[in-house]
Protein backbone atom coordinates (compact mmCIF):
# COMPACT_ATOMS: atom_id res chain seq x y z
CA UNK A 1 0.00 0.00 0.00
CA UNK A 2 1.24 3.49 -0.83
CA UNK A 3 0.80 5.97 1.95
CA UNK A 4 1.47 9.58 2.78
CA UNK A 5 1.54 10.20 6.52
CA UNK A 6 0.43 13.57 7.92
CA UNK A 7 0.38 14.50 11.59
CA UNK A 8 -1.37 17.85 12.03
CA UNK A 9 -1.80 19.87 15.25
CA UNK A 10 -1.40 16.72 17.34
CA UNK A 11 -0.30 16.00 20.89
CA UNK A 12 1.60 12.85 21.90
CA UNK A 13 1.42 11.08 18.52
CA UNK A 14 3.55 8.02 17.81
CA UNK A 15 4.19 7.33 14.12
CA UNK A 16 6.07 4.08 13.61
CA UNK A 17 6.43 0.98 11.39
CA UNK A 18 4.91 2.69 8.32
CA UNK A 19 5.92 2.56 4.66
CA UNK A 20 5.55 5.72 2.50
CA UNK A 21 6.58 5.22 -1.13
CA UNK A 22 6.15 6.98 -4.49
CA UNK A 23 4.00 9.86 -3.31
CA UNK A 24 4.38 13.62 -2.94
CA UNK A 25 4.86 14.00 0.79
CA UNK A 26 6.26 10.99 2.59
CA UNK A 27 5.98 11.80 6.31
CA UNK A 28 4.82 15.30 7.32
CA UNK A 29 4.48 16.74 10.82
CA UNK A 30 3.14 20.29 11.12
CA UNK A 31 0.61 22.69 12.66
CA UNK A 32 -2.13 24.13 10.49
CA UNK A 33 -3.15 27.73 11.26
CA UNK A 34 -6.57 28.93 12.36
CA UNK A 35 -7.93 25.79 14.04
CA UNK A 36 -8.75 25.40 17.75
CA UNK A 37 -5.91 23.02 18.67
CA UNK A 38 -2.56 24.74 18.16
CA UNK A 39 0.99 24.02 19.21
CA UNK A 40 1.37 20.33 18.47
CA UNK A 41 3.99 18.67 20.64
CA UNK A 42 5.58 15.41 21.78
CA UNK A 43 5.45 13.76 18.34
CA UNK A 44 7.63 10.68 17.91
CA UNK A 45 8.43 9.43 14.38
CA UNK A 46 10.54 6.27 14.22
CA UNK A 47 11.07 2.94 12.40
CA UNK A 48 9.39 4.20 9.21
CA UNK A 49 10.40 3.67 5.59
CA UNK A 50 10.16 6.66 3.27
CA UNK A 51 11.26 5.72 -0.27
CA UNK A 52 11.12 7.59 -3.62
CA UNK A 53 8.67 10.24 -2.44
CA UNK A 54 9.17 12.46 -5.46
CA UNK A 55 5.80 12.26 -7.25
CA UNK A 56 4.62 15.57 -8.72
CA UNK A 57 2.02 17.39 -6.65
CA UNK A 58 -1.35 17.12 -8.41
CA UNK A 59 -3.04 19.90 -6.37
CA UNK A 60 -3.91 23.13 -8.14
CA UNK A 61 -1.59 26.06 -7.54
CA UNK A 62 -2.91 29.51 -6.76
C-alpha atoms as a PDB file:
ATOM      1  CA  UNK A   1       0.000   0.000   0.000  1.00  0.00           C
ATOM      2  CA  UNK A   2       1.238   3.491  -0.833  1.00  0.00           C
ATOM      3  CA  UNK A   3       0.796   5.966   1.955  1.00  0.00           C
ATOM      4  CA  UNK A   4       1.467   9.577   2.782  1.00  0.00           C
ATOM      5  CA  UNK A   5       1.541  10.198   6.520  1.00  0.00           C
ATOM      6  CA  UNK A   6       0.429  13.567   7.919  1.00  0.00           C
ATOM      7  CA  UNK A   7       0.384  14.503  11.591  1.00  0.00           C
ATOM      8  CA  UNK A   8      -1.372  17.852  12.029  1.00  0.00           C
ATOM      9  CA  UNK A   9      -1.795  19.866  15.251  1.00  0.00           C
ATOM     10  CA  UNK A  10      -1.396  16.717  17.336  1.00  0.00           C
ATOM     11  CA  UNK A  11      -0.301  15.996  20.895  1.00  0.00           C
ATOM     12  CA  UNK A  12       1.596  12.850  21.899  1.00  0.00           C
ATOM     13  CA  UNK A  13       1.424  11.084  18.518  1.00  0.00           C
ATOM     14  CA  UNK A  14       3.551   8.017  17.808  1.00  0.00           C
ATOM     15  CA  UNK A  15       4.191   7.332  14.118  1.00  0.00           C
ATOM     16  CA  UNK A  16       6.074   4.076  13.608  1.00  0.00           C
ATOM     17  CA  UNK A  17       6.427   0.984  11.395  1.00  0.00           C
ATOM     18  CA  UNK A  18       4.912   2.688   8.316  1.00  0.00           C
ATOM     19  CA  UNK A  19       5.916   2.563   4.657  1.00  0.00           C
ATOM     20  CA  UNK A  20       5.547   5.715   2.498  1.00  0.00           C
ATOM     21  CA  UNK A  21       6.584   5.224  -1.132  1.00  0.00           C
ATOM     22  CA  UNK A  22       6.147   6.978  -4.488  1.00  0.00           C
ATOM     23  CA  UNK A  23       3.995   9.861  -3.311  1.00  0.00           C
ATOM     24  CA  UNK A  24       4.384  13.616  -2.937  1.00  0.00           C
ATOM     25  CA  UNK A  25       4.856  14.002   0.792  1.00  0.00           C
ATOM     26  CA  UNK A  26       6.262  10.993   2.590  1.00  0.00           C
ATOM     27  CA  UNK A  27       5.977  11.804   6.307  1.00  0.00           C
ATOM     28  CA  UNK A  28       4.823  15.295   7.317  1.00  0.00           C
ATOM     29  CA  UNK A  29       4.476  16.742  10.817  1.00  0.00           C
ATOM     30  CA  UNK A  30       3.138  20.295  11.116  1.00  0.00           C
ATOM     31  CA  UNK A  31       0.611  22.693  12.665  1.00  0.00           C
ATOM     32  CA  UNK A  32      -2.133  24.134  10.486  1.00  0.00           C
ATOM     33  CA  UNK A  33      -3.148  27.734  11.265  1.00  0.00           C
ATOM     34  CA  UNK A  34      -6.570  28.931  12.364  1.00  0.00           C
ATOM     35  CA  UNK A  35      -7.934  25.795  14.039  1.00  0.00           C
ATOM     36  CA  UNK A  36      -8.750  25.395  17.751  1.00  0.00           C
ATOM     37  CA  UNK A  37      -5.913  23.016  18.666  1.00  0.00           C
ATOM     38  CA  UNK A  38      -2.562  24.743  18.160  1.00  0.00           C
ATOM     39  CA  UNK A  39       0.993  24.021  19.213  1.00  0.00           C
ATOM     40  CA  UNK A  40       1.373  20.332  18.470  1.00  0.00           C
ATOM     41  CA  UNK A  41       3.990  18.666  20.643  1.00  0.00           C
ATOM     42  CA  UNK A  42       5.578  15.410  21.780  1.00  0.00           C
ATOM     43  CA  UNK A  43       5.452  13.760  18.338  1.00  0.00           C
ATOM     44  CA  UNK A  44       7.634  10.685  17.906  1.00  0.00           C
ATOM     45  CA  UNK A  45       8.434   9.433  14.379  1.00  0.00           C
ATOM     46  CA  UNK A  46      10.542   6.270  14.223  1.00  0.00           C
ATOM     47  CA  UNK A  47      11.074   2.939  12.401  1.00  0.00           C
ATOM     48  CA  UNK A  48       9.391   4.197   9.209  1.00  0.00           C
ATOM     49  CA  UNK A  49      10.404   3.674   5.592  1.00  0.00           C
ATOM     50  CA  UNK A  50      10.155   6.660   3.268  1.00  0.00           C
ATOM     51  CA  UNK A  51      11.256   5.724  -0.268  1.00  0.00           C
ATOM     52  CA  UNK A  52      11.118   7.590  -3.620  1.00  0.00           C
ATOM     53  CA  UNK A  53       8.672  10.238  -2.438  1.00  0.00           C
ATOM     54  CA  UNK A  54       9.165  12.462  -5.461  1.00  0.00           C
ATOM     55  CA  UNK A  55       5.803  12.259  -7.246  1.00  0.00           C
ATOM     56  CA  UNK A  56       4.622  15.573  -8.720  1.00  0.00           C
ATOM     57  CA  UNK A  57       2.017  17.393  -6.652  1.00  0.00           C
ATOM     58  CA  UNK A  58      -1.347  17.119  -8.408  1.00  0.00           C
ATOM     59  CA  UNK A  59      -3.035  19.898  -6.373  1.00  0.00           C
ATOM     60  CA  UNK A  60      -3.908  23.134  -8.141  1.00  0.00           C
ATOM     61  CA  UNK A  61      -1.590  26.058  -7.541  1.00  0.00           C
ATOM     62  CA  UNK A  62      -2.915  29.509  -6.764  1.00  0.00           C
END
